[in-house]
C-alpha atoms as a PDB file:
ATOM      1  CA  MET A   1     127.031  37.495 133.636  1.00  0.00           C
ATOM      2  CA  SER A   2     128.216  37.209 130.057  1.00  0.00           C
ATOM      3  CA  ASP A   3     131.320  35.454 128.848  1.00  0.00           C
ATOM      4  CA  ASN A   4     132.845  38.829 127.975  1.00  0.00           C
ATOM      5  CA  SER A   5     136.294  39.072 129.617  1.00  0.00           C
ATOM      6  CA  ASP A   6     135.702  42.790 130.286  1.00  0.00           C
ATOM      7  CA  ASP A   7     133.079  41.928 132.897  1.00  0.00           C
ATOM      8  CA  GLU A   8     134.570  41.638 136.357  1.00  0.00           C
ATOM      9  CA  LEU A   9     132.900  40.722 139.575  1.00  0.00           C
ATOM     10  CA  ILE A  10     133.900  43.026 142.403  1.00  0.00           C
ATOM     11  CA  VAL A  11     133.166  41.860 145.914  1.00  0.00           C
ATOM     12  CA  VAL A  12     133.268  44.458 148.626  1.00  0.00           C
ATOM     13  CA  GLU A  13     133.058  43.368 152.205  1.00  0.00           C
ATOM     14  CA  LYS A  14     131.942  45.840 154.789  1.00  0.00           C
ATOM     15  CA  LYS A  15     132.113  44.810 158.375  1.00  0.00           C
ATOM     16  CA  PHE A  16     128.921  45.639 160.201  1.00  0.00           C
ATOM     17  CA  THR A  17     129.801  46.995 163.610  1.00  0.00           C
ATOM     18  CA  LYS A  18     127.811  49.173 165.937  1.00  0.00           C
ATOM     19  CA  ARG A  19     130.315  51.941 165.209  1.00  0.00           C
ATOM     20  CA  ASN A  20     129.387  52.142 161.528  1.00  0.00           C
ATOM     21  CA  VAL A  21     125.738  51.098 161.813  1.00  0.00           C
ATOM     22  CA  TYR A  22     124.783  53.423 164.701  1.00  0.00           C
ATOM     23  CA  GLU A  23     127.163  56.322 164.103  1.00  0.00           C
ATOM     24  CA  LYS A  24     124.364  58.919 164.123  1.00  0.00           C
ATOM     25  CA  GLU A  25     122.776  57.527 167.294  1.00  0.00           C
ATOM     26  CA  GLN A  26     126.145  57.363 169.053  1.00  0.00           C
ATOM     27  CA  GLN A  27     126.780  61.012 168.238  1.00  0.00           C
ATOM     28  CA  GLN A  28     123.355  61.857 169.667  1.00  0.00           C
ATOM     29  CA  VAL A  29     124.199  60.047 172.934  1.00  0.00           C
ATOM     30  CA  LEU A  30     127.504  61.922 173.155  1.00  0.00           C
ATOM     31  CA  ASN A  31     125.731  65.236 172.538  1.00  0.00           C
ATOM     32  CA  LYS A  32     123.174  64.434 175.241  1.00  0.00           C
ATOM     33  CA  ILE A  33     125.957  63.750 177.748  1.00  0.00           C
ATOM     34  CA  LEU A  34     127.710  67.004 176.869  1.00  0.00           C
ATOM     35  CA  ASN A  35     124.414  68.905 177.174  1.00  0.00           C
ATOM     36  CA  ILE A  36     123.516  67.318 180.513  1.00  0.00           C
ATOM     37  CA  LEU A  37     126.941  68.153 181.924  1.00  0.00           C
ATOM     38  CA  ASP A  38     126.952  71.517 180.177  1.00  0.00           C
ATOM     39  CA  LEU A  39     130.581  70.980 179.143  1.00  0.00           C
ATOM     40  CA  GLU A  40     132.452  71.854 175.988  1.00  0.00           C
ATOM     41  CA  PRO A  41     135.379  69.581 175.026  1.00  0.00           C
ATOM     42  CA  ASP A  42     138.918  71.001 175.041  1.00  0.00           C
ATOM     43  CA  ASN A  43     138.019  73.924 177.277  1.00  0.00           C
ATOM     44  CA  ALA A  44     139.706  73.374 180.656  1.00  0.00           C
ATOM     45  CA  SER A  45     138.072  76.484 182.069  1.00  0.00           C
ATOM     46  CA  ASP A  46     134.697  74.884 181.294  1.00  0.00           C
ATOM     47  CA  SER A  47     134.376  72.434 184.184  1.00  0.00           C
ATOM     48  CA  ILE A  48     131.855  70.991 186.599  1.00  0.00           C
ATOM     49  CA  VAL A  49     132.509  70.300 190.282  1.00  0.00           C
ATOM     50  CA  LYS A  50     131.893  66.863 191.726  1.00  0.00           C
ATOM     51  CA  ASP A  51     128.725  67.611 193.703  1.00  0.00           C
ATOM     52  CA  GLU A  52     127.141  69.360 190.710  1.00  0.00           C
ATOM     53  CA  MET A  53     128.061  66.396 188.494  1.00  0.00           C
ATOM     54  CA  GLU A  54     126.470  63.983 190.959  1.00  0.00           C
ATOM     55  CA  LYS A  55     123.194  65.922 190.736  1.00  0.00           C
ATOM     56  CA  LYS A  56     123.126  65.098 187.021  1.00  0.00           C
ATOM     57  CA  TYR A  57     123.625  61.341 187.471  1.00  0.00           C
ATOM     58  CA  GLU A  58     119.885  60.666 187.288  1.00  0.00           C
ATOM     59  CA  ASP A  59     119.731  62.162 183.787  1.00  0.00           C
ATOM     60  CA  ILE A  60     122.889  60.284 182.781  1.00  0.00           C
ATOM     61  CA  ALA A  61     121.407  56.991 184.053  1.00  0.00           C
ATOM     62  CA  LYS A  62     118.492  57.451 181.636  1.00  0.00           C
ATOM     63  CA  LEU A  63     120.979  57.019 178.762  1.00  0.00           C
ATOM     64  CA  MET A  64     121.973  53.500 179.878  1.00  0.00           C
ATOM     65  CA  ASP A  65     119.533  51.738 177.509  1.00  0.00           C
ATOM     66  CA  ALA A  66     120.731  53.806 174.548  1.00  0.00           C
ATOM     67  CA  VAL A  67     124.344  52.944 175.375  1.00  0.00           C
ATOM     68  CA  LYS A  68     123.446  49.236 175.578  1.00  0.00           C
ATOM     69  CA  THR A  69     121.731  49.444 172.187  1.00  0.00           C
ATOM     70  CA  TYR A  70     124.131  51.615 170.212  1.00  0.00           C
ATOM     71  CA  TYR A  71     127.591  50.897 171.641  1.00  0.00           C
ATOM     72  CA  ASP A  72     129.947  47.920 171.564  1.00  0.00           C
ATOM     73  CA  LEU A  73     130.034  45.474 174.456  1.00  0.00           C
ATOM     74  CA  SER A  74     133.420  46.853 175.500  1.00  0.00           C
ATOM     75  CA  VAL A  75     131.737  50.101 176.546  1.00  0.00           C
ATOM     76  CA  MET A  76     129.129  48.268 178.627  1.00  0.00           C
ATOM     77  CA  SER A  77     131.663  45.935 180.267  1.00  0.00           C
ATOM     78  CA  ASN A  78     133.456  48.932 181.778  1.00  0.00           C
ATOM     79  CA  ILE A  79     130.185  50.281 183.144  1.00  0.00           C
ATOM     80  CA  LYS A  80     129.009  46.981 184.665  1.00  0.00           C
ATOM     81  CA  ARG A  81     132.153  46.609 186.809  1.00  0.00           C
ATOM     82  CA  ALA A  82     132.160  50.176 188.128  1.00  0.00           C
ATOM     83  CA  ALA A  83     131.038  51.267 191.576  1.00  0.00           C
ATOM     84  CA  CYS A  84     129.599  54.498 190.133  1.00  0.00           C
ATOM     85  CA  LYS A  85     127.878  53.418 186.932  1.00  0.00           C
ATOM     86  CA  GLU A  86     126.925  56.943 185.845  1.00  0.00           C
ATOM     87  CA  LEU A  87     130.487  58.255 186.050  1.00  0.00           C
ATOM     88  CA  SER A  88     131.711  55.131 184.277  1.00  0.00           C
ATOM     89  CA  LEU A  89     129.100  55.616 181.533  1.00  0.00           C
ATOM     90  CA  ILE A  90     130.313  59.182 181.003  1.00  0.00           C
ATOM     91  CA  ARG A  91     133.970  58.117 180.876  1.00  0.00           C
ATOM     92  CA  SER A  92     133.322  55.109 178.598  1.00  0.00           C
ATOM     93  CA  VAL A  93     131.222  57.003 176.047  1.00  0.00           C
ATOM     94  CA  LEU A  94     133.696  59.882 175.980  1.00  0.00           C
ATOM     95  CA  LYS A  95     136.599  57.464 175.492  1.00  0.00           C
ATOM     96  CA  TYR A  96     134.738  55.746 172.649  1.00  0.00           C
ATOM     97  CA  HIS A  97     134.528  59.140 170.922  1.00  0.00           C
ATOM     98  CA  LYS A  98     138.216  59.863 171.623  1.00  0.00           C
ATOM     99  CA  TYR A  99     137.661  62.216 174.553  1.00  0.00           C
ATOM    100  CA  GLU A 100     138.821  61.923 178.120  1.00  0.00           C
ATOM    101  CA  LEU A 101     137.227  63.122 181.339  1.00  0.00           C
ATOM    102  CA  LYS A 102     139.991  64.772 183.354  1.00  0.00           C
ATOM    103  CA  THR A 103     140.001  66.066 186.902  1.00  0.00           C
ATOM    104  CA  LYS A 104     141.544  69.049 188.623  1.00  0.00           C
ATOM    105  CA  GLN A 105     141.375  70.525 192.092  1.00  0.00           C
ATOM    106  CA  ALA A 106     138.760  73.222 192.596  1.00  0.00           C
ATOM    107  CA  TYR A 107     138.615  75.802 195.356  1.00  0.00           C
ATOM    108  CA  PHE A 108     135.650  78.107 195.801  1.00  0.00           C
ATOM    109  CA  MET A 109     133.445  79.806 198.373  1.00  0.00           C
ATOM    110  CA  ARG A 110     130.066  78.366 199.356  1.00  0.00           C
ATOM    111  CA  ASN A 111     127.986  79.806 202.201  1.00  0.00           C
ATOM    112  CA  ASN A 112     130.958  81.923 203.261  1.00  0.00           C
ATOM    113  CA  LYS A 113     133.158  78.829 203.626  1.00  0.00           C
ATOM    114  CA  ASN A 114     136.150  77.748 201.576  1.00  0.00           C
ATOM    115  CA  VAL A 115     135.331  74.565 199.720  1.00  0.00           C
ATOM    116  CA  HIS A 116     137.815  72.143 198.189  1.00  0.00           C
ATOM    117  CA  SER A 117     136.462  69.748 195.583  1.00  0.00           C
ATOM    118  CA  THR A 118     137.246  67.932 192.360  1.00  0.00           C
ATOM    119  CA  ALA A 119     136.288  69.513 189.048  1.00  0.00           C
ATOM    120  CA  TYR A 120     135.814  67.580 185.817  1.00  0.00           C
ATOM    121  CA  TYR A 121     136.573  68.752 182.277  1.00  0.00           C
ATOM    122  CA  ILE A 122     136.821  67.093 178.852  1.00  0.00           C
ATOM    123  CA  VAL A 123     139.811  66.928 176.487  1.00  0.00           C
ATOM    124  CA  SER A 124     140.467  65.241 173.146  1.00  0.00           C
ATOM    125  CA  GLN A 125     142.712  62.197 173.235  1.00  0.00           C
END
């Protein structure tokens, strides 16, 4: 650097977090979850009933390593304590991306019987 007073050293600090380092990968994980569940955010009529969601848990569980790699420890700590790790993974990743998994009561016919269940849908926070 010269002795010229017009020269100025500018120091920019950028905090390296998983959120800004792995933003693309995190978006891919979110998209995979939405595709597996076949849900569109902010569409309450687009929902999935509990037993159908549970059938998709095996595919959701396959994302666990990606979540460990690309997300903050706070996301994983919620999953580790949960009884149903797959449902917790879904909720934690959605929350990280400012979405929420909501529930509503669902009534439908199956094998000529009335069925009462829980349906899940996604909304923005």
